[in-house]
Amino acid sequence: MQFEHLGVRPRIHPTAVIAPTAVISGDVTIGAGCQVLHGAVITAEGGPITLGENVIVMENAVIRASSTNPVHIADHTLVGPMASISGATIGAEVFLATGVRVFNGAVIGDRSEVRINAVVHLRTHLPERSVVPIGWVAVGDPAIVVSPDRHDEIWALQQELDFPGYVFGLDRDTPDLMVQLTDRYGRSLSRHAADTQLD
């Protein structure tokens, strides 16, 4: 299904193949030879999404851009089943395995591998040919790749990246943080009420 969102329609190359149960919404450009499989969601929430040529987005993956963090995925990259990419830049020939999470402001260099259920955190920069092992977490710029059992170390690095401030413009110490966050984010997402289905 394709939707016009905020007055912008997806632009899909005629050689791209989009499954009928995939959702493509708003300012999305999909290049030649791309494959978007069943259940995938590619939604431009005020910022553009660009898929280069021959990008594969597998089942139930979610790709989301915001007004402050667009998404760019370069040529010959594979986004695995149930992966999630929010506001990130992904290089060419990158392998993002099943269940990978890539957060706002992250940059993944060409020919990198992020393996099953691994995380590339907010504003993290992975150089070319990086590998994030199964279930591990990459955090920071330059990136430090940490095993998931080192939570305290991950949290110390993650705190400095300021997720609520960077993504939502809210101070982590706000007493009613989740009230303000859900109110603000909910207003932004409610703009989909005016979307027009195109197919």
N, C-alpha and C. Protein backbone atom coordinates (compact mmCIF):
# COMPACT_ATOMS: atom_id res chain seq x y z
N MET A 1 0.84 -1.18 0.00
CA MET A 1 0.00 0.00 0.00
C MET A 1 0.88 1.24 0.00
N GLN A 2 0.48 2.23 -0.75
CA GLN A 2 1.21 3.48 -0.80
C GLN A 2 0.31 4.61 -0.32
N PHE A 3 0.95 5.56 0.41
CA PHE A 3 0.20 6.66 0.97
C PHE A 3 0.89 7.98 0.67
N GLU A 4 0.09 8.99 0.33
CA GLU A 4 0.58 10.36 0.32
C GLU A 4 0.54 10.86 1.75
N HIS A 5 1.66 11.39 2.23
CA HIS A 5 1.74 11.90 3.61
C HIS A 5 2.36 13.29 3.57
N LEU A 6 1.73 14.23 4.24
CA LEU A 6 2.18 15.62 4.27
C LEU A 6 2.35 16.18 2.86
N GLY A 7 1.46 15.75 1.96
CA GLY A 7 1.45 16.26 0.60
C GLY A 7 2.49 15.65 -0.32
N VAL A 8 3.21 14.62 0.12
CA VAL A 8 4.26 14.02 -0.70
C VAL A 8 3.93 12.54 -0.95
N ARG A 9 4.09 12.16 -2.22
CA ARG A 9 3.84 10.77 -2.62
C ARG A 9 5.16 10.02 -2.76
N PRO A 10 5.16 8.72 -2.49
CA PRO A 10 6.36 7.92 -2.75
C PRO A 10 6.72 7.95 -4.23
N ARG A 11 8.02 7.83 -4.49
CA ARG A 11 8.54 7.75 -5.85
C ARG A 11 9.27 6.41 -5.97
N ILE A 12 8.74 5.52 -6.77
CA ILE A 12 9.24 4.15 -6.84
C ILE A 12 9.67 3.86 -8.28
N HIS A 13 10.90 3.44 -8.44
CA HIS A 13 11.41 3.11 -9.78
C HIS A 13 10.58 1.97 -10.36
N PRO A 14 10.30 2.01 -11.65
CA PRO A 14 9.45 0.96 -12.23
C PRO A 14 10.01 -0.45 -12.15
N THR A 15 11.32 -0.60 -11.94
CA THR A 15 11.88 -1.95 -11.80
C THR A 15 11.89 -2.45 -10.36
N ALA A 16 11.52 -1.59 -9.41
CA ALA A 16 11.43 -2.04 -8.02
C ALA A 16 10.19 -2.90 -7.85
N VAL A 17 10.26 -3.87 -6.92
CA VAL A 17 9.12 -4.74 -6.65
C VAL A 17 8.70 -4.52 -5.20
N ILE A 18 7.45 -4.10 -5.03
CA ILE A 18 6.90 -3.81 -3.70
C ILE A 18 5.78 -4.80 -3.42
N ALA A 19 5.90 -5.58 -2.35
CA ALA A 19 4.86 -6.55 -2.00
C ALA A 19 3.56 -5.81 -1.69
N PRO A 20 2.42 -6.43 -2.01
CA PRO A 20 1.14 -5.75 -1.79
C PRO A 20 0.83 -5.46 -0.33
N THR A 21 1.47 -6.16 0.60
CA THR A 21 1.22 -5.90 2.02
C THR A 21 2.26 -4.98 2.65
N ALA A 22 3.21 -4.49 1.86
CA ALA A 22 4.17 -3.50 2.37
C ALA A 22 3.48 -2.14 2.42
N VAL A 23 3.95 -1.27 3.31
CA VAL A 23 3.42 0.09 3.42
C VAL A 23 4.54 1.06 3.09
N ILE A 24 4.30 1.95 2.13
CA ILE A 24 5.25 2.99 1.74
C ILE A 24 4.51 4.31 1.91
N SER A 25 5.02 5.20 2.78
CA SER A 25 4.27 6.40 3.14
C SER A 25 5.14 7.64 3.05
N GLY A 26 4.69 8.61 2.25
CA GLY A 26 5.29 9.94 2.23
C GLY A 26 6.50 10.08 1.34
N ASP A 27 7.45 10.87 1.78
CA ASP A 27 8.61 11.29 1.00
C ASP A 27 9.65 10.17 0.92
N VAL A 28 9.30 9.13 0.16
CA VAL A 28 10.13 7.94 0.03
C VAL A 28 10.53 7.78 -1.43
N THR A 29 11.82 7.62 -1.67
CA THR A 29 12.32 7.33 -3.01
C THR A 29 12.95 5.95 -2.98
N ILE A 30 12.47 5.08 -3.87
CA ILE A 30 12.96 3.71 -3.95
C ILE A 30 13.58 3.51 -5.33
N GLY A 31 14.86 3.12 -5.34
CA GLY A 31 15.62 3.03 -6.58
C GLY A 31 15.40 1.76 -7.37
N ALA A 32 16.10 1.71 -8.49
CA ALA A 32 15.98 0.60 -9.44
C ALA A 32 16.36 -0.73 -8.79
N GLY A 33 15.59 -1.76 -9.11
CA GLY A 33 15.92 -3.11 -8.67
C GLY A 33 15.69 -3.40 -7.21
N CYS A 34 15.09 -2.48 -6.46
CA CYS A 34 14.83 -2.73 -5.03
C CYS A 34 13.72 -3.75 -4.88
N GLN A 35 13.76 -4.45 -3.75
CA GLN A 35 12.73 -5.42 -3.37
C GLN A 35 12.26 -5.07 -1.97
N VAL A 36 10.97 -4.85 -1.81
CA VAL A 36 10.39 -4.57 -0.49
C VAL A 36 9.36 -5.67 -0.22
N LEU A 37 9.63 -6.51 0.76
CA LEU A 37 8.85 -7.73 0.96
C LEU A 37 7.64 -7.50 1.89
N HIS A 38 6.85 -8.55 2.05
CA HIS A 38 5.58 -8.47 2.77
C HIS A 38 5.75 -7.94 4.20
N GLY A 39 4.86 -7.03 4.55
CA GLY A 39 4.80 -6.52 5.92
C GLY A 39 5.80 -5.43 6.23
N ALA A 40 6.70 -5.11 5.31
CA ALA A 40 7.66 -4.04 5.57
C ALA A 40 6.93 -2.70 5.62
N VAL A 41 7.44 -1.80 6.45
CA VAL A 41 6.88 -0.45 6.56
C VAL A 41 8.01 0.55 6.35
N ILE A 42 7.83 1.43 5.37
CA ILE A 42 8.80 2.49 5.08
C ILE A 42 8.03 3.80 5.16
N THR A 43 8.25 4.55 6.24
CA THR A 43 7.42 5.73 6.50
C THR A 43 8.26 6.96 6.78
N ALA A 44 8.04 7.99 5.98
CA ALA A 44 8.74 9.26 6.11
C ALA A 44 7.91 10.19 6.98
N GLU A 45 8.31 10.34 8.22
CA GLU A 45 7.57 11.15 9.19
C GLU A 45 8.10 12.59 9.19
N GLY A 46 8.04 13.24 8.02
CA GLY A 46 8.48 14.63 7.94
C GLY A 46 9.87 14.80 7.36
N GLY A 47 10.62 13.72 7.21
CA GLY A 47 11.94 13.75 6.59
C GLY A 47 11.99 12.68 5.52
N PRO A 48 12.88 12.82 4.53
CA PRO A 48 12.90 11.89 3.41
C PRO A 48 13.57 10.56 3.73
N ILE A 49 13.19 9.55 2.96
CA ILE A 49 13.83 8.24 2.96
C ILE A 49 14.25 7.96 1.53
N THR A 50 15.50 7.57 1.35
CA THR A 50 16.00 7.22 0.03
C THR A 50 16.63 5.84 0.08
N LEU A 51 16.15 4.95 -0.77
CA LEU A 51 16.78 3.66 -0.98
C LEU A 51 17.46 3.71 -2.33
N GLY A 52 18.76 3.38 -2.36
CA GLY A 52 19.50 3.38 -3.62
C GLY A 52 19.04 2.26 -4.52
N GLU A 53 19.94 1.72 -5.31
CA GLU A 53 19.59 0.64 -6.22
C GLU A 53 19.84 -0.72 -5.57
N ASN A 54 18.96 -1.68 -5.91
CA ASN A 54 19.12 -3.07 -5.48
C ASN A 54 19.17 -3.24 -3.97
N VAL A 55 18.43 -2.42 -3.25
CA VAL A 55 18.28 -2.58 -1.80
C VAL A 55 17.16 -3.59 -1.57
N ILE A 56 17.37 -4.49 -0.62
CA ILE A 56 16.35 -5.47 -0.25
C ILE A 56 15.89 -5.16 1.17
N VAL A 57 14.59 -4.98 1.32
CA VAL A 57 13.97 -4.76 2.63
C VAL A 57 13.08 -5.96 2.88
N MET A 58 13.44 -6.78 3.86
CA MET A 58 12.76 -8.05 4.05
C MET A 58 11.52 -7.92 4.94
N GLU A 59 10.86 -9.05 5.16
CA GLU A 59 9.56 -9.07 5.82
C GLU A 59 9.58 -8.37 7.18
N ASN A 60 8.57 -7.55 7.39
CA ASN A 60 8.28 -6.89 8.67
C ASN A 60 9.38 -5.95 9.16
N ALA A 61 10.28 -5.55 8.27
CA ALA A 61 11.25 -4.52 8.64
C ALA A 61 10.54 -3.16 8.72
N VAL A 62 11.06 -2.26 9.55
CA VAL A 62 10.50 -0.92 9.68
C VAL A 62 11.62 0.09 9.43
N ILE A 63 11.36 1.01 8.50
CA ILE A 63 12.30 2.10 8.21
C ILE A 63 11.53 3.40 8.39
N ARG A 64 12.04 4.26 9.29
CA ARG A 64 11.30 5.47 9.65
C ARG A 64 12.26 6.66 9.67
N ALA A 65 11.85 7.75 9.01
CA ALA A 65 12.60 9.00 9.05
C ALA A 65 11.82 10.03 9.85
N SER A 66 12.53 11.00 10.41
CA SER A 66 11.88 12.12 11.08
C SER A 66 12.32 13.41 10.42
N SER A 67 11.73 14.52 10.83
CA SER A 67 12.09 15.80 10.22
C SER A 67 13.55 16.17 10.49
N THR A 68 14.11 15.68 11.59
CA THR A 68 15.51 15.97 11.91
C THR A 68 16.47 14.87 11.50
N ASN A 69 15.96 13.68 11.23
CA ASN A 69 16.82 12.55 10.87
C ASN A 69 16.26 11.80 9.67
N PRO A 70 16.68 12.18 8.45
CA PRO A 70 16.27 11.41 7.28
C PRO A 70 16.95 10.04 7.28
N VAL A 71 16.54 9.20 6.35
CA VAL A 71 17.16 7.88 6.17
C VAL A 71 17.72 7.81 4.75
N HIS A 72 18.95 7.33 4.66
CA HIS A 72 19.53 7.03 3.34
C HIS A 72 20.15 5.65 3.43
N ILE A 73 19.74 4.78 2.51
CA ILE A 73 20.31 3.43 2.43
C ILE A 73 20.91 3.28 1.04
N ALA A 74 22.20 3.06 0.98
CA ALA A 74 22.92 3.01 -0.29
C ALA A 74 22.74 1.67 -0.99
N ASP A 75 23.28 1.57 -2.19
CA ASP A 75 23.08 0.44 -3.11
C ASP A 75 23.51 -0.90 -2.51
N HIS A 76 22.79 -1.94 -2.92
CA HIS A 76 23.14 -3.34 -2.63
C HIS A 76 23.22 -3.62 -1.12
N THR A 77 22.32 -3.01 -0.37
CA THR A 77 22.24 -3.26 1.08
C THR A 77 21.03 -4.12 1.35
N LEU A 78 21.16 -5.01 2.33
CA LEU A 78 20.06 -5.87 2.74
C LEU A 78 19.63 -5.51 4.15
N VAL A 79 18.32 -5.26 4.31
CA VAL A 79 17.71 -4.99 5.60
C VAL A 79 16.92 -6.23 5.97
N GLY A 80 17.34 -6.94 7.00
CA GLY A 80 16.77 -8.24 7.33
C GLY A 80 15.38 -8.19 7.91
N PRO A 81 14.75 -9.36 8.03
CA PRO A 81 13.41 -9.45 8.61
C PRO A 81 13.37 -8.85 10.02
N MET A 82 12.34 -8.09 10.29
CA MET A 82 12.07 -7.50 11.61
C MET A 82 13.16 -6.53 12.05
N ALA A 83 13.99 -6.06 11.14
CA ALA A 83 14.96 -5.02 11.47
C ALA A 83 14.24 -3.69 11.60
N SER A 84 14.86 -2.75 12.31
CA SER A 84 14.28 -1.43 12.50
C SER A 84 15.38 -0.39 12.30
N ILE A 85 15.10 0.56 11.41
CA ILE A 85 16.03 1.65 11.15
C ILE A 85 15.28 2.95 11.35
N SER A 86 15.80 3.80 12.22
CA SER A 86 15.19 5.11 12.48
C SER A 86 16.21 6.19 12.21
N GLY A 87 15.95 7.03 11.23
CA GLY A 87 16.75 8.22 11.00
C GLY A 87 18.24 7.99 10.89
N ALA A 88 18.67 7.03 10.07
CA ALA A 88 20.08 6.66 9.99
C ALA A 88 20.57 6.70 8.54
N THR A 89 21.88 6.70 8.40
CA THR A 89 22.52 6.64 7.09
C THR A 89 23.27 5.32 7.00
N ILE A 90 22.92 4.52 6.01
CA ILE A 90 23.49 3.19 5.85
C ILE A 90 24.26 3.18 4.53
N GLY A 91 25.50 2.73 4.56
CA GLY A 91 26.34 2.71 3.38
C GLY A 91 25.96 1.63 2.40
N ALA A 92 26.79 1.48 1.36
CA ALA A 92 26.58 0.49 0.31
C ALA A 92 27.07 -0.89 0.76
N GLU A 93 26.40 -1.92 0.26
CA GLU A 93 26.79 -3.31 0.48
C GLU A 93 26.86 -3.66 1.96
N VAL A 94 25.90 -3.15 2.71
CA VAL A 94 25.80 -3.41 4.15
C VAL A 94 24.81 -4.54 4.37
N PHE A 95 25.12 -5.40 5.33
CA PHE A 95 24.23 -6.49 5.73
C PHE A 95 23.69 -6.18 7.13
N LEU A 96 22.39 -5.95 7.21
CA LEU A 96 21.71 -5.75 8.49
C LEU A 96 20.85 -6.99 8.72
N ALA A 97 21.20 -7.81 9.67
CA ALA A 97 20.57 -9.11 9.85
C ALA A 97 19.20 -9.00 10.53
N THR A 98 18.59 -10.15 10.71
CA THR A 98 17.28 -10.24 11.36
C THR A 98 17.30 -9.56 12.73
N GLY A 99 16.29 -8.72 12.97
CA GLY A 99 16.11 -8.12 14.29
C GLY A 99 17.07 -7.02 14.67
N VAL A 100 17.88 -6.55 13.73
CA VAL A 100 18.83 -5.46 14.01
C VAL A 100 18.06 -4.18 14.33
N ARG A 101 18.62 -3.35 15.21
CA ARG A 101 18.05 -2.03 15.53
C ARG A 101 19.10 -0.97 15.27
N VAL A 102 18.76 0.02 14.44
CA VAL A 102 19.66 1.12 14.13
C VAL A 102 18.91 2.41 14.47
N PHE A 103 19.50 3.23 15.35
CA PHE A 103 18.79 4.39 15.88
C PHE A 103 19.20 5.71 15.22
N ASN A 104 18.44 6.75 15.54
CA ASN A 104 18.56 8.08 14.96
C ASN A 104 20.00 8.60 14.98
N GLY A 105 20.39 9.16 13.84
CA GLY A 105 21.70 9.78 13.74
C GLY A 105 22.84 8.82 13.56
N ALA A 106 22.57 7.53 13.52
CA ALA A 106 23.64 6.54 13.32
C ALA A 106 24.12 6.58 11.87
N VAL A 107 25.38 6.25 11.69
CA VAL A 107 25.98 6.14 10.36
C VAL A 107 26.73 4.80 10.31
N ILE A 108 26.40 3.99 9.31
CA ILE A 108 27.06 2.69 9.14
C ILE A 108 27.81 2.73 7.82
N GLY A 109 29.12 2.51 7.90
CA GLY A 109 29.98 2.58 6.72
C GLY A 109 29.77 1.42 5.76
N ASP A 110 30.22 1.63 4.53
CA ASP A 110 30.10 0.64 3.46
C ASP A 110 30.64 -0.73 3.89
N ARG A 111 30.00 -1.77 3.37
CA ARG A 111 30.42 -3.16 3.53
C ARG A 111 30.52 -3.60 4.99
N SER A 112 29.71 -3.00 5.84
CA SER A 112 29.66 -3.42 7.25
C SER A 112 28.63 -4.52 7.43
N GLU A 113 28.74 -5.24 8.55
CA GLU A 113 27.78 -6.27 8.92
C GLU A 113 27.31 -6.00 10.34
N VAL A 114 25.99 -5.93 10.50
CA VAL A 114 25.39 -5.84 11.83
C VAL A 114 24.56 -7.11 11.95
N ARG A 115 25.00 -7.99 12.83
CA ARG A 115 24.46 -9.35 12.84
C ARG A 115 23.21 -9.47 13.71
N ILE A 116 22.62 -10.65 13.76
CA ILE A 116 21.30 -10.89 14.33
C ILE A 116 21.12 -10.21 15.69
N ASN A 117 20.04 -9.46 15.80
CA ASN A 117 19.62 -8.78 17.04
C ASN A 117 20.65 -7.81 17.60
N ALA A 118 21.60 -7.39 16.82
CA ALA A 118 22.56 -6.39 17.28
C ALA A 118 21.93 -4.99 17.22
N VAL A 119 22.56 -4.05 17.93
CA VAL A 119 22.05 -2.69 18.03
C VAL A 119 23.16 -1.71 17.64
N VAL A 120 22.80 -0.75 16.80
CA VAL A 120 23.67 0.40 16.53
C VAL A 120 22.94 1.59 17.11
N HIS A 121 23.49 2.12 18.20
CA HIS A 121 22.75 3.09 18.99
C HIS A 121 22.78 4.49 18.39
N LEU A 122 21.98 5.33 19.01
CA LEU A 122 21.84 6.73 18.67
C LEU A 122 23.18 7.40 18.39
N ARG A 123 23.28 8.10 17.25
CA ARG A 123 24.46 8.92 16.91
C ARG A 123 25.77 8.14 16.91
N THR A 124 25.68 6.86 16.66
CA THR A 124 26.86 6.00 16.62
C THR A 124 27.39 5.96 15.19
N HIS A 125 28.70 6.00 15.04
CA HIS A 125 29.32 5.96 13.72
C HIS A 125 30.21 4.72 13.61
N LEU A 126 29.83 3.84 12.69
CA LEU A 126 30.62 2.64 12.40
C LEU A 126 31.42 2.89 11.12
N PRO A 127 32.73 2.71 11.16
CA PRO A 127 33.51 2.90 9.93
C PRO A 127 33.25 1.76 8.94
N GLU A 128 33.76 1.94 7.73
CA GLU A 128 33.63 0.90 6.70
C GLU A 128 34.11 -0.45 7.23
N ARG A 129 33.44 -1.50 6.75
CA ARG A 129 33.80 -2.89 7.05
C ARG A 129 33.75 -3.23 8.54
N SER A 130 32.90 -2.54 9.27
CA SER A 130 32.71 -2.87 10.69
C SER A 130 31.86 -4.13 10.83
N VAL A 131 32.01 -4.80 11.96
CA VAL A 131 31.17 -5.94 12.30
C VAL A 131 30.67 -5.75 13.72
N VAL A 132 29.35 -5.85 13.88
CA VAL A 132 28.75 -5.87 15.22
C VAL A 132 28.24 -7.30 15.41
N PRO A 133 28.82 -8.06 16.36
CA PRO A 133 28.46 -9.47 16.52
C PRO A 133 27.00 -9.66 16.95
N ILE A 134 26.55 -10.89 16.86
CA ILE A 134 25.19 -11.26 17.22
C ILE A 134 24.86 -10.75 18.63
N GLY A 135 23.81 -9.94 18.71
CA GLY A 135 23.31 -9.45 19.99
C GLY A 135 24.13 -8.36 20.65
N TRP A 136 25.22 -7.94 20.06
CA TRP A 136 26.08 -6.93 20.67
C TRP A 136 25.56 -5.53 20.38
N VAL A 137 26.14 -4.53 21.05
CA VAL A 137 25.69 -3.15 20.96
C VAL A 137 26.86 -2.27 20.53
N ALA A 138 26.66 -1.49 19.48
CA ALA A 138 27.64 -0.47 19.06
C ALA A 138 27.12 0.87 19.55
N VAL A 139 28.01 1.63 20.21
CA VAL A 139 27.57 2.91 20.77
C VAL A 139 28.71 3.90 20.72
N GLY A 140 28.39 5.14 20.30
CA GLY A 140 29.35 6.23 20.34
C GLY A 140 29.97 6.58 19.00
N ASP A 141 30.75 7.65 19.02
CA ASP A 141 31.46 8.13 17.84
C ASP A 141 32.84 8.62 18.27
N PRO A 142 33.87 7.79 18.05
CA PRO A 142 33.86 6.54 17.30
C PRO A 142 33.17 5.43 18.09
N ALA A 143 32.65 4.47 17.35
CA ALA A 143 31.87 3.40 17.97
C ALA A 143 32.72 2.49 18.84
N ILE A 144 32.13 2.11 19.96
CA ILE A 144 32.65 1.05 20.80
C ILE A 144 31.65 -0.09 20.70
N VAL A 145 32.12 -1.30 20.43
CA VAL A 145 31.23 -2.45 20.28
C VAL A 145 31.35 -3.28 21.55
N VAL A 146 30.20 -3.47 22.22
CA VAL A 146 30.17 -4.01 23.58
C VAL A 146 29.21 -5.20 23.65
N SER A 147 29.60 -6.22 24.39
CA SER A 147 28.70 -7.36 24.58
C SER A 147 27.52 -6.93 25.46
N PRO A 148 26.34 -7.55 25.26
CA PRO A 148 25.15 -7.10 25.96
C PRO A 148 25.20 -7.29 27.46
N ASP A 149 26.09 -8.14 27.98
CA ASP A 149 26.19 -8.36 29.42
C ASP A 149 26.89 -7.19 30.13
N ARG A 150 27.42 -6.24 29.38
CA ARG A 150 28.11 -5.08 29.98
C ARG A 150 27.18 -3.87 30.01
N HIS A 151 26.01 -4.07 30.59
CA HIS A 151 24.96 -3.05 30.57
C HIS A 151 25.41 -1.73 31.18
N ASP A 152 26.10 -1.77 32.30
CA ASP A 152 26.51 -0.52 32.95
C ASP A 152 27.41 0.32 32.05
N GLU A 153 28.30 -0.34 31.33
CA GLU A 153 29.18 0.37 30.40
C GLU A 153 28.38 0.94 29.22
N ILE A 154 27.45 0.14 28.70
CA ILE A 154 26.60 0.61 27.61
C ILE A 154 25.78 1.82 28.07
N TRP A 155 25.19 1.73 29.25
CA TRP A 155 24.36 2.81 29.77
C TRP A 155 25.18 4.08 29.97
N ALA A 156 26.39 3.96 30.47
CA ALA A 156 27.24 5.14 30.67
C ALA A 156 27.51 5.84 29.34
N LEU A 157 27.80 5.07 28.31
CA LEU A 157 28.03 5.66 26.99
C LEU A 157 26.74 6.21 26.40
N GLN A 158 25.66 5.48 26.58
CA GLN A 158 24.37 5.85 26.01
C GLN A 158 23.83 7.13 26.64
N GLN A 159 24.01 7.31 27.93
CA GLN A 159 23.51 8.51 28.60
C GLN A 159 24.05 9.78 27.96
N GLU A 160 25.34 9.76 27.60
CA GLU A 160 25.95 10.94 26.99
C GLU A 160 25.34 11.26 25.63
N LEU A 161 24.76 10.27 24.97
CA LEU A 161 24.17 10.49 23.66
C LEU A 161 22.79 11.14 23.75
N ASP A 162 22.17 11.14 24.93
CA ASP A 162 20.94 11.89 25.23
C ASP A 162 19.79 11.54 24.29
N PHE A 163 19.31 10.31 24.37
CA PHE A 163 18.22 9.87 23.50
C PHE A 163 16.99 10.78 23.59
N PRO A 164 16.43 11.08 24.77
CA PRO A 164 15.21 11.90 24.78
C PRO A 164 15.45 13.32 24.27
N GLY A 165 16.63 13.86 24.54
CA GLY A 165 16.93 15.20 24.05
C GLY A 165 17.13 15.23 22.55
N TYR A 166 17.88 14.26 22.05
CA TYR A 166 18.21 14.24 20.61
C TYR A 166 16.99 13.90 19.75
N VAL A 167 16.22 12.92 20.16
CA VAL A 167 15.10 12.45 19.34
C VAL A 167 13.83 13.27 19.58
N PHE A 168 13.55 13.63 20.85
CA PHE A 168 12.28 14.27 21.17
C PHE A 168 12.41 15.71 21.68
N GLY A 169 13.64 16.19 21.86
CA GLY A 169 13.82 17.55 22.35
C GLY A 169 13.40 17.74 23.79
N LEU A 170 13.52 16.69 24.60
CA LEU A 170 13.10 16.74 25.99
C LEU A 170 14.26 16.36 26.91
N ASP A 171 14.34 17.02 28.05
CA ASP A 171 15.36 16.73 29.05
C ASP A 171 15.01 15.44 29.79
N ARG A 172 15.98 14.53 29.92
CA ARG A 172 15.76 13.25 30.59
C ARG A 172 15.24 13.44 32.02
N ASP A 173 15.60 14.55 32.68
CA ASP A 173 15.20 14.78 34.07
C ASP A 173 13.83 15.42 34.21
N THR A 174 13.12 15.64 33.12
CA THR A 174 11.77 16.19 33.19
C THR A 174 10.90 15.27 34.04
N PRO A 175 10.23 15.78 35.08
CA PRO A 175 9.45 14.91 35.98
C PRO A 175 8.36 14.09 35.26
N ASP A 176 7.72 14.68 34.27
CA ASP A 176 6.67 13.96 33.54
C ASP A 176 7.15 13.66 32.12
N LEU A 177 8.37 13.16 32.01
CA LEU A 177 9.00 12.93 30.72
C LEU A 177 8.10 12.15 29.76
N MET A 178 7.58 11.02 30.21
CA MET A 178 6.79 10.18 29.31
C MET A 178 5.47 10.84 28.94
N VAL A 179 4.90 11.66 29.82
CA VAL A 179 3.67 12.39 29.48
C VAL A 179 3.97 13.36 28.35
N GLN A 180 5.05 14.15 28.51
CA GLN A 180 5.40 15.11 27.47
C GLN A 180 5.81 14.41 26.17
N LEU A 181 6.58 13.33 26.30
CA LEU A 181 7.05 12.61 25.12
C LEU A 181 5.87 12.05 24.33
N THR A 182 4.96 11.37 24.99
CA THR A 182 3.84 10.77 24.26
C THR A 182 2.90 11.83 23.71
N ASP A 183 2.71 12.94 24.43
CA ASP A 183 1.89 14.03 23.89
C ASP A 183 2.52 14.60 22.62
N ARG A 184 3.80 14.91 22.68
CA ARG A 184 4.49 15.51 21.53
C ARG A 184 4.54 14.54 20.35
N TYR A 185 4.95 13.30 20.62
CA TYR A 185 5.07 12.32 19.55
C TYR A 185 3.71 11.96 18.97
N GLY A 186 2.72 11.86 19.85
CA GLY A 186 1.36 11.55 19.40
C GLY A 186 0.81 12.62 18.46
N ARG A 187 1.07 13.90 18.76
CA ARG A 187 0.63 14.98 17.87
C ARG A 187 1.30 14.85 16.51
N SER A 188 2.57 14.52 16.51
CA SER A 188 3.29 14.36 15.25
C SER A 188 2.73 13.20 14.44
N LEU A 189 2.51 12.07 15.09
CA LEU A 189 2.00 10.89 14.39
C LEU A 189 0.55 11.06 13.93
N SER A 190 -0.20 11.91 14.61
CA SER A 190 -1.61 12.11 14.24
C SER A 190 -1.76 12.76 12.87
N ARG A 191 -0.66 13.28 12.32
CA ARG A 191 -0.73 13.86 10.98
C ARG A 191 -1.07 12.80 9.93
N HIS A 192 -0.93 11.53 10.28
CA HIS A 192 -1.30 10.47 9.34
C HIS A 192 -2.81 10.41 9.12
N ALA A 193 -3.60 11.05 9.98
CA ALA A 193 -5.06 11.04 9.80
C ALA A 193 -5.45 11.66 8.47
N ALA A 194 -4.61 12.53 7.93
CA ALA A 194 -4.90 13.20 6.66
C ALA A 194 -4.27 12.50 5.46
N ASP A 195 -3.63 11.34 5.66
CA ASP A 195 -2.99 10.64 4.55
C ASP A 195 -4.02 10.18 3.52
N THR A 196 -3.56 10.04 2.29
CA THR A 196 -4.40 9.54 1.20
C THR A 196 -3.78 8.25 0.68
N GLN A 197 -4.59 7.18 0.67
CA GLN A 197 -4.10 5.93 0.09
C GLN A 197 -4.10 6.05 -1.42
N LEU A 198 -2.97 5.63 -2.03
CA LEU A 198 -2.80 5.82 -3.46
C LEU A 198 -3.10 4.58 -4.31
N ASP A 199 -3.18 3.43 -3.67
CA ASP A 199 -3.44 2.21 -4.45
C ASP A 199 -4.47 1.32 -3.78
